[in-house]
Amino acid sequence: MAKTKSRLLQSRNTVSWKSPWGKQQYTYLGGAVVVIIVGFLLLAKGMYSSWDDPLSVDVAPVVLVVGYCILVPLAIMRKNSRNSSSDQA
């Protein structure tokens, strides 16, 4: 009984969860978050200046679309490089 219990405890201790994302994916996601924040800051600039400011009307929506539709999916779908996957193992 004691041997079975100790084996069970040892097997529980060896199981660990590994994140499927590597350093590269987190870097891409961080860059996407920065681009999205810049897009929202440019969009908010129109609240404090004239409403037809070209930065808030033309540039900010393009920056937000790039952040949400290109950079975030790129971070999700990007595969691990050989070096980062060997670091996790």
Foldseek 3Di string as FASTA:
>chain_A
DVVVVVVVVVVVVVDDDFDQAFPVLVVLLVVLVVLLVVLVVQLCVCVVDPVVPCSNPPVSVVSNCCSPVPSNVCSVPPHDDPVRVVVRD
